[in-house]
């Protein structure tokens, strides 16, 4: 399986980003909102197979020592093939001197543990949709 990594996405791809995030039960918005979020991010990774967008992720960062990973998702039919790992490793390699933080879907922690991430004891969050995030298991 040949995976091609790109750092930009044509306008036609943002609907796929929004649909994929919805399908994998992650926070999703209208396509133009995701476009702006990715464009404002330090690092953008888009994974393709045979010209088809199959996964993506991004990092916000100062580019020096701090970064946060967001929106790592793989189209369900392509999950379990190492594509998420390729996406995260590409993000990490684009910011080699940075500490990384992220939050993940409850139950997906083992994926990130395999990549060297560890749970934090000092993490805090202030979400716009606090009740929703609590009901989904993100906060106490």
N, C-alpha and C. Protein backbone atom coordinates (compact mmCIF):
# COMPACT_ATOMS: atom_id res chain seq x y z
N UNK A 1 0.85 -1.18 0.00
CA UNK A 1 0.00 0.00 0.00
C UNK A 1 0.90 1.24 0.00
N UNK A 2 0.83 2.00 -1.04
CA UNK A 2 1.62 3.23 -1.18
C UNK A 2 0.80 4.42 -0.67
N UNK A 3 1.34 5.11 0.34
CA UNK A 3 0.69 6.28 0.91
C UNK A 3 1.48 7.51 0.49
N UNK A 4 0.79 8.47 -0.07
CA UNK A 4 1.42 9.74 -0.45
C UNK A 4 1.01 10.80 0.58
N UNK A 5 2.00 11.53 1.08
CA UNK A 5 1.76 12.58 2.06
C UNK A 5 1.85 13.94 1.36
N UNK A 6 0.84 14.76 1.61
CA UNK A 6 0.82 16.13 1.10
C UNK A 6 0.60 17.08 2.28
N UNK A 7 0.94 18.35 2.06
CA UNK A 7 0.79 19.35 3.12
C UNK A 7 -0.30 20.38 2.83
N UNK A 8 -0.92 20.26 1.69
CA UNK A 8 -2.02 21.15 1.32
C UNK A 8 -3.17 20.30 0.80
N UNK A 9 -4.37 20.89 0.82
CA UNK A 9 -5.57 20.18 0.38
C UNK A 9 -6.34 21.08 -0.57
N UNK A 10 -6.78 20.57 -1.72
CA UNK A 10 -7.61 21.40 -2.59
C UNK A 10 -8.96 21.68 -1.94
N UNK A 11 -9.60 22.76 -2.37
CA UNK A 11 -10.89 23.15 -1.79
C UNK A 11 -11.92 22.02 -1.80
N UNK A 12 -11.85 21.15 -2.78
CA UNK A 12 -12.81 20.05 -2.87
C UNK A 12 -12.64 19.03 -1.73
N UNK A 13 -11.51 19.05 -1.04
CA UNK A 13 -11.25 18.07 0.00
C UNK A 13 -11.83 18.38 1.36
N UNK A 14 -12.22 19.62 1.59
CA UNK A 14 -12.68 19.99 2.94
C UNK A 14 -13.99 19.34 3.33
N UNK A 15 -14.82 19.03 2.37
CA UNK A 15 -16.06 18.31 2.68
C UNK A 15 -15.73 16.90 3.18
N UNK A 16 -14.71 16.28 2.61
CA UNK A 16 -14.29 14.95 3.05
C UNK A 16 -13.74 15.02 4.48
N UNK A 17 -12.98 16.07 4.79
CA UNK A 17 -12.46 16.25 6.15
C UNK A 17 -13.62 16.32 7.14
N UNK A 18 -14.59 17.18 6.84
CA UNK A 18 -15.74 17.35 7.74
C UNK A 18 -16.52 16.04 7.89
N UNK A 19 -16.78 15.36 6.78
CA UNK A 19 -17.53 14.11 6.81
C UNK A 19 -16.79 13.03 7.59
N UNK A 20 -15.47 12.96 7.39
CA UNK A 20 -14.67 11.94 8.08
C UNK A 20 -14.69 12.17 9.59
N UNK A 21 -14.48 13.42 10.01
CA UNK A 21 -14.50 13.71 11.44
C UNK A 21 -15.86 13.36 12.05
N UNK A 22 -16.93 13.64 11.34
CA UNK A 22 -18.27 13.29 11.83
C UNK A 22 -18.40 11.77 11.92
N UNK A 23 -17.95 11.07 10.90
CA UNK A 23 -18.10 9.62 10.84
C UNK A 23 -17.33 8.91 11.94
N UNK A 24 -16.18 9.46 12.35
CA UNK A 24 -15.38 8.82 13.41
C UNK A 24 -15.70 9.40 14.78
N UNK A 25 -16.79 10.17 14.87
CA UNK A 25 -17.31 10.71 16.12
C UNK A 25 -16.37 11.71 16.79
N UNK A 26 -15.69 12.50 15.97
CA UNK A 26 -14.86 13.58 16.48
C UNK A 26 -15.57 14.90 16.24
N UNK A 27 -15.06 15.97 16.84
CA UNK A 27 -15.66 17.28 16.64
C UNK A 27 -15.58 17.64 15.16
N UNK A 28 -16.70 18.07 14.61
CA UNK A 28 -16.71 18.45 13.20
C UNK A 28 -17.52 19.72 13.02
N UNK A 29 -17.17 20.42 11.97
CA UNK A 29 -17.80 21.69 11.63
C UNK A 29 -18.04 21.72 10.13
N UNK A 30 -18.53 22.84 9.66
CA UNK A 30 -18.70 23.01 8.22
C UNK A 30 -17.31 22.98 7.57
N UNK A 31 -17.24 22.53 6.32
CA UNK A 31 -15.94 22.42 5.64
C UNK A 31 -15.09 23.69 5.69
N UNK A 32 -15.70 24.87 5.53
CA UNK A 32 -14.90 26.10 5.53
C UNK A 32 -14.25 26.37 6.89
N UNK A 33 -14.85 25.87 7.97
CA UNK A 33 -14.27 26.05 9.31
C UNK A 33 -13.02 25.18 9.43
N UNK A 34 -13.09 23.93 8.96
CA UNK A 34 -11.91 23.06 9.00
C UNK A 34 -10.81 23.62 8.11
N UNK A 35 -11.17 24.16 6.97
CA UNK A 35 -10.17 24.74 6.08
C UNK A 35 -9.40 25.84 6.82
N UNK A 36 -10.10 26.72 7.49
CA UNK A 36 -9.44 27.81 8.21
C UNK A 36 -8.56 27.26 9.33
N UNK A 37 -9.07 26.28 10.11
CA UNK A 37 -8.29 25.71 11.21
C UNK A 37 -6.99 25.07 10.69
N UNK A 38 -7.09 24.30 9.63
CA UNK A 38 -5.89 23.66 9.08
C UNK A 38 -4.94 24.71 8.50
N UNK A 39 -5.47 25.70 7.81
CA UNK A 39 -4.61 26.73 7.23
C UNK A 39 -3.87 27.53 8.31
N UNK A 40 -4.47 27.69 9.47
CA UNK A 40 -3.85 28.44 10.57
C UNK A 40 -2.89 27.57 11.39
N UNK A 41 -2.82 26.30 11.09
CA UNK A 41 -1.97 25.38 11.84
C UNK A 41 -0.53 25.40 11.31
N UNK A 42 0.40 25.08 12.17
CA UNK A 42 1.81 25.03 11.79
C UNK A 42 2.08 23.91 10.79
N UNK A 43 1.53 22.73 11.07
CA UNK A 43 1.80 21.54 10.26
C UNK A 43 0.48 20.90 9.86
N UNK A 44 0.39 20.58 8.58
CA UNK A 44 -0.80 19.94 8.03
C UNK A 44 -0.35 18.70 7.27
N UNK A 45 -0.97 17.57 7.56
CA UNK A 45 -0.63 16.31 6.89
C UNK A 45 -1.90 15.73 6.29
N UNK A 46 -1.83 15.42 5.00
CA UNK A 46 -2.94 14.78 4.30
C UNK A 46 -2.40 13.51 3.65
N UNK A 47 -3.01 12.38 3.96
CA UNK A 47 -2.57 11.08 3.44
C UNK A 47 -3.48 10.66 2.29
N UNK A 48 -2.86 10.25 1.21
CA UNK A 48 -3.59 9.83 0.02
C UNK A 48 -3.17 8.42 -0.39
N UNK A 49 -4.12 7.69 -0.93
CA UNK A 49 -3.82 6.43 -1.60
C UNK A 49 -4.50 6.47 -2.96
N UNK A 50 -3.72 6.25 -3.99
CA UNK A 50 -4.24 6.28 -5.37
C UNK A 50 -5.03 7.55 -5.65
N UNK A 51 -4.55 8.70 -5.14
CA UNK A 51 -5.18 9.98 -5.38
C UNK A 51 -6.38 10.28 -4.51
N UNK A 52 -6.73 9.39 -3.62
CA UNK A 52 -7.90 9.56 -2.73
C UNK A 52 -7.45 9.97 -1.33
N UNK A 53 -8.04 11.02 -0.79
CA UNK A 53 -7.75 11.43 0.59
C UNK A 53 -8.30 10.38 1.53
N UNK A 54 -7.40 9.82 2.37
CA UNK A 54 -7.83 8.75 3.28
C UNK A 54 -7.56 9.06 4.75
N UNK A 55 -6.83 10.15 5.03
CA UNK A 55 -6.55 10.51 6.41
C UNK A 55 -5.85 11.85 6.49
N UNK A 56 -5.80 12.40 7.70
CA UNK A 56 -5.23 13.73 7.88
C UNK A 56 -4.96 13.99 9.34
N UNK A 57 -4.24 15.06 9.61
CA UNK A 57 -3.98 15.51 10.96
C UNK A 57 -3.25 16.84 10.89
N UNK A 58 -3.17 17.52 12.04
CA UNK A 58 -2.52 18.82 12.06
C UNK A 58 -1.92 19.08 13.43
N UNK A 59 -1.02 20.07 13.47
CA UNK A 59 -0.44 20.51 14.74
C UNK A 59 -0.39 22.02 14.77
N UNK A 60 -0.75 22.57 15.90
CA UNK A 60 -0.51 23.99 16.14
C UNK A 60 0.77 24.07 16.96
N UNK A 61 1.57 25.10 16.74
CA UNK A 61 2.87 25.14 17.40
C UNK A 61 3.51 26.51 17.30
N UNK A 62 4.44 26.76 18.25
CA UNK A 62 5.30 27.93 18.13
C UNK A 62 6.50 27.59 17.24
N UNK A 63 6.65 26.33 16.87
CA UNK A 63 7.73 25.90 16.01
C UNK A 63 9.07 25.78 16.72
N UNK A 64 9.10 26.02 18.02
CA UNK A 64 10.35 26.02 18.77
C UNK A 64 10.36 24.90 19.81
N UNK A 65 9.38 24.93 20.76
CA UNK A 65 9.41 23.89 21.79
C UNK A 65 8.04 23.38 22.23
N UNK A 66 6.95 23.93 21.74
CA UNK A 66 5.63 23.44 22.13
C UNK A 66 4.75 23.20 20.89
N UNK A 67 3.97 22.12 20.95
CA UNK A 67 3.05 21.81 19.86
C UNK A 67 1.88 21.01 20.42
N UNK A 68 0.77 21.07 19.72
CA UNK A 68 -0.42 20.30 20.08
C UNK A 68 -0.98 19.67 18.81
N UNK A 69 -1.31 18.41 18.89
CA UNK A 69 -1.83 17.67 17.75
C UNK A 69 -3.35 17.64 17.81
N UNK A 70 -3.96 17.86 16.66
CA UNK A 70 -5.42 17.87 16.55
C UNK A 70 -5.88 17.16 15.28
N UNK A 71 -7.12 16.73 15.31
CA UNK A 71 -7.84 16.26 14.12
C UNK A 71 -7.14 15.14 13.36
N UNK A 72 -6.51 14.21 14.07
CA UNK A 72 -5.95 13.04 13.40
C UNK A 72 -7.10 12.07 13.16
N UNK A 73 -7.35 11.79 11.90
CA UNK A 73 -8.46 10.90 11.55
C UNK A 73 -8.15 10.15 10.26
N UNK A 74 -8.64 8.94 10.19
CA UNK A 74 -8.50 8.10 9.01
C UNK A 74 -9.90 7.62 8.63
N UNK A 75 -10.21 7.67 7.36
CA UNK A 75 -11.50 7.17 6.87
C UNK A 75 -11.67 5.72 7.37
N UNK A 76 -12.82 5.41 7.96
CA UNK A 76 -13.00 4.10 8.61
C UNK A 76 -12.56 2.89 7.79
N UNK A 77 -12.84 2.85 6.53
CA UNK A 77 -12.48 1.67 5.73
C UNK A 77 -10.97 1.49 5.59
N UNK A 78 -10.18 2.52 5.93
CA UNK A 78 -8.73 2.44 5.85
C UNK A 78 -8.07 2.34 7.22
N UNK A 79 -8.85 2.30 8.28
CA UNK A 79 -8.29 2.21 9.63
C UNK A 79 -7.67 0.83 9.84
N UNK A 80 -6.71 0.77 10.78
CA UNK A 80 -6.05 -0.49 11.10
C UNK A 80 -4.96 -0.88 10.13
N UNK A 81 -4.55 0.04 9.26
CA UNK A 81 -3.51 -0.26 8.26
C UNK A 81 -2.24 0.56 8.47
N UNK A 82 -2.15 1.24 9.62
CA UNK A 82 -0.94 2.02 9.90
C UNK A 82 -0.95 3.45 9.37
N UNK A 83 -2.06 3.88 8.81
CA UNK A 83 -2.13 5.22 8.22
C UNK A 83 -2.10 6.29 9.31
N UNK A 84 -2.80 6.07 10.40
CA UNK A 84 -2.77 7.02 11.51
C UNK A 84 -1.35 7.18 12.05
N UNK A 85 -0.64 6.09 12.14
CA UNK A 85 0.76 6.13 12.59
C UNK A 85 1.61 6.96 11.63
N UNK A 86 1.42 6.76 10.34
CA UNK A 86 2.16 7.54 9.34
C UNK A 86 1.86 9.03 9.50
N UNK A 87 0.60 9.37 9.71
CA UNK A 87 0.21 10.78 9.87
C UNK A 87 0.88 11.38 11.10
N UNK A 88 0.78 10.70 12.25
CA UNK A 88 1.35 11.24 13.48
C UNK A 88 2.87 11.34 13.37
N UNK A 89 3.53 10.34 12.82
CA UNK A 89 4.99 10.38 12.67
C UNK A 89 5.42 11.53 11.76
N UNK A 90 4.64 11.82 10.74
CA UNK A 90 4.95 12.96 9.87
C UNK A 90 4.80 14.27 10.63
N UNK A 91 3.77 14.38 11.45
CA UNK A 91 3.60 15.59 12.26
C UNK A 91 4.80 15.74 13.19
N UNK A 92 5.17 14.68 13.89
CA UNK A 92 6.29 14.72 14.84
C UNK A 92 7.59 15.10 14.14
N UNK A 93 7.82 14.57 12.96
CA UNK A 93 9.08 14.85 12.26
C UNK A 93 9.15 16.28 11.75
N UNK A 94 8.02 16.94 11.59
CA UNK A 94 8.00 18.34 11.16
C UNK A 94 8.32 19.30 12.29
N UNK A 95 8.28 18.82 13.53
CA UNK A 95 8.54 19.64 14.71
C UNK A 95 9.45 18.87 15.67
N UNK A 96 10.66 18.53 15.25
CA UNK A 96 11.50 17.61 16.01
C UNK A 96 11.97 18.09 17.38
N UNK A 97 11.95 19.38 17.64
CA UNK A 97 12.42 19.87 18.94
C UNK A 97 11.29 20.20 19.90
N UNK A 98 10.07 19.83 19.53
CA UNK A 98 8.90 20.23 20.33
C UNK A 98 8.41 19.15 21.29
N UNK A 99 7.88 19.62 22.41
CA UNK A 99 7.06 18.80 23.29
C UNK A 99 5.66 18.79 22.66
N UNK A 100 4.98 17.66 22.75
CA UNK A 100 3.64 17.55 22.16
C UNK A 100 2.61 17.22 23.22
N UNK A 101 1.44 17.82 23.08
CA UNK A 101 0.27 17.44 23.85
C UNK A 101 -0.85 17.13 22.87
N UNK A 102 -1.83 16.40 23.34
CA UNK A 102 -3.01 16.13 22.52
C UNK A 102 -4.09 15.59 23.43
N UNK A 103 -5.31 15.64 22.95
CA UNK A 103 -6.35 14.86 23.59
C UNK A 103 -6.95 13.97 22.54
N UNK A 104 -7.38 12.82 22.97
CA UNK A 104 -7.86 11.80 22.05
C UNK A 104 -9.24 11.32 22.49
N UNK A 105 -9.87 10.62 21.62
CA UNK A 105 -11.17 10.03 21.95
C UNK A 105 -10.97 9.00 23.06
N UNK A 106 -11.86 8.98 24.04
CA UNK A 106 -11.77 7.93 25.05
C UNK A 106 -11.73 6.56 24.37
N UNK A 107 -10.79 5.74 24.80
CA UNK A 107 -10.62 4.42 24.22
C UNK A 107 -9.54 4.34 23.15
N UNK A 108 -9.02 5.47 22.72
CA UNK A 108 -7.98 5.49 21.68
C UNK A 108 -6.59 5.76 22.26
N UNK A 109 -6.49 5.79 23.58
CA UNK A 109 -5.21 6.13 24.21
C UNK A 109 -4.09 5.16 23.83
N UNK A 110 -4.40 3.88 23.68
CA UNK A 110 -3.37 2.89 23.36
C UNK A 110 -2.69 3.18 22.03
N UNK A 111 -3.41 3.72 21.07
CA UNK A 111 -2.81 4.09 19.79
C UNK A 111 -1.66 5.06 20.01
N UNK A 112 -1.89 6.08 20.83
CA UNK A 112 -0.86 7.08 21.08
C UNK A 112 0.25 6.56 22.00
N UNK A 113 -0.08 5.66 22.91
CA UNK A 113 0.95 5.05 23.76
C UNK A 113 1.98 4.32 22.91
N UNK A 114 1.52 3.63 21.87
CA UNK A 114 2.44 2.92 20.97
C UNK A 114 3.40 3.87 20.27
N UNK A 115 3.04 5.13 20.19
CA UNK A 115 3.89 6.14 19.54
C UNK A 115 4.72 6.93 20.55
N UNK A 116 4.67 6.51 21.82
CA UNK A 116 5.50 7.14 22.84
C UNK A 116 4.81 8.16 23.71
N UNK A 117 3.55 8.45 23.46
CA UNK A 117 2.82 9.42 24.29
C UNK A 117 2.47 8.79 25.63
N UNK A 118 2.39 9.63 26.66
CA UNK A 118 2.02 9.18 27.99
C UNK A 118 0.94 10.10 28.55
N UNK A 119 0.10 9.56 29.43
CA UNK A 119 -0.94 10.36 30.05
C UNK A 119 -0.32 11.45 30.92
N UNK A 120 -0.94 12.61 30.91
CA UNK A 120 -0.49 13.71 31.75
C UNK A 120 -1.29 13.71 33.05
N UNK A 121 -0.66 14.13 34.13
CA UNK A 121 -1.35 14.27 35.40
C UNK A 121 -1.83 15.69 35.62
N UNK A 122 -1.38 16.61 34.79
CA UNK A 122 -1.68 18.03 35.02
C UNK A 122 -2.54 18.64 33.92
N UNK A 123 -3.12 17.83 33.06
CA UNK A 123 -3.92 18.37 31.97
C UNK A 123 -5.23 18.98 32.46
N UNK A 124 -5.59 20.08 31.88
CA UNK A 124 -6.83 20.78 32.20
C UNK A 124 -7.48 21.20 30.88
N UNK A 125 -8.78 21.40 30.90
CA UNK A 125 -9.47 21.82 29.69
C UNK A 125 -10.60 22.78 30.02
N UNK A 126 -10.86 23.67 29.11
CA UNK A 126 -12.00 24.58 29.18
C UNK A 126 -12.65 24.54 27.80
N UNK A 127 -13.72 23.77 27.67
CA UNK A 127 -14.37 23.56 26.39
C UNK A 127 -15.58 24.48 26.22
N UNK A 128 -15.82 24.90 25.00
CA UNK A 128 -17.00 25.70 24.67
C UNK A 128 -18.26 24.89 24.96
N UNK A 129 -18.26 23.63 24.57
CA UNK A 129 -19.40 22.73 24.80
C UNK A 129 -19.05 21.80 25.96
N UNK A 130 -18.88 22.37 27.14
CA UNK A 130 -18.39 21.63 28.31
C UNK A 130 -19.27 20.43 28.67
N UNK A 131 -20.58 20.60 28.66
CA UNK A 131 -21.47 19.49 29.02
C UNK A 131 -21.35 18.34 28.04
N UNK A 132 -21.25 18.67 26.75
CA UNK A 132 -21.10 17.64 25.72
C UNK A 132 -19.79 16.89 25.91
N UNK A 133 -18.71 17.61 26.16
CA UNK A 133 -17.41 16.98 26.33
C UNK A 133 -17.39 16.11 27.60
N UNK A 134 -18.08 16.52 28.63
CA UNK A 134 -18.18 15.71 29.83
C UNK A 134 -18.96 14.43 29.55
N UNK A 135 -20.06 14.55 28.86
CA UNK A 135 -20.89 13.37 28.56
C UNK A 135 -20.17 12.39 27.65
N UNK A 136 -19.22 12.87 26.86
CA UNK A 136 -18.45 12.01 25.96
C UNK A 136 -17.20 11.44 26.62
N UNK A 137 -16.98 11.78 27.90
CA UNK A 137 -15.88 11.19 28.65
C UNK A 137 -14.56 11.93 28.61
N UNK A 138 -14.56 13.16 28.10
CA UNK A 138 -13.31 13.92 28.01
C UNK A 138 -12.92 14.60 29.31
N UNK A 139 -13.90 14.97 30.12
CA UNK A 139 -13.60 15.69 31.36
C UNK A 139 -14.38 15.05 32.51
N UNK A 140 -13.99 15.45 33.72
CA UNK A 140 -14.67 14.96 34.92
C UNK A 140 -15.97 15.70 35.11
